[in-house]
């Protein structure tokens, strides 16, 4: 491949024009977060802040036996949160690497091995057994083609592909060629591919708190404010009744 009668592929000038128009075939990436940034983000969680405030209050009131377990809880919560955030960062980086493998293309009638980031729409890809598809494509030719799409669809078994309409006639970025070989025309690159949409979703989920995190944060804030109000009310009531303020603050239940 390519054989006589197949498309000659794009010229270099057409490739440059498409790179300018569509950009490189990469998932959009933000600056990777450092461990300090991840740690600070986790430490700002409402639950962590509430535990920290309570622990400090117990120490100020001379009750280290109450404060120290709270600080231990803080370390546990922060450790779990840090591990989860770091794992999400690594998953996103791994997805970016998978989305831009090296590719064999036909350009100006010649086969050419290029970086995956240089693949553009309307490029002609040549894929063989063991190759990872660099972009979403439509099949032009296929010979005994079976593809592993488990990374994208969760389907554990290889899927048979053939020239035609619909999913069976398409190759998805990030999928792996299990058997056979094919000639395919690139239709989508970068964030427009199905892999790119997954990457965008991961990035959004990573940057925004989940519904559970938002609800927990809201509950913690409400109960924290309620607890503070009750504590102040008890302390002030004690001071007004007994005319002695210090024991009143030590008598609060929070």
Foldseek 3Di string as FASTA:
>chain_A
DPDPPDDQFAAPVVLVVQCVVANFQFFDDDDQDDLVRQLVVQCPQLVNVLLQVVLVLCVVLPNNVVNVVSVVVSVVSSVVSSVVLVVLSVVLVVLRVLLWQWFWWRYNNDTDIGTLRSDGAFTKTKDFAFDFDNAKWFFPAWDQWWKAPCVQPVDHDTHAAGHDDDPNRMDFGNIGTHHTITITGHHDGYLVTSSNVVSVVSVVPSVDDDPVSVVVSVVSVVVSVVLVVQLVVQQVVVCVVVVDRSVSNVPRPD
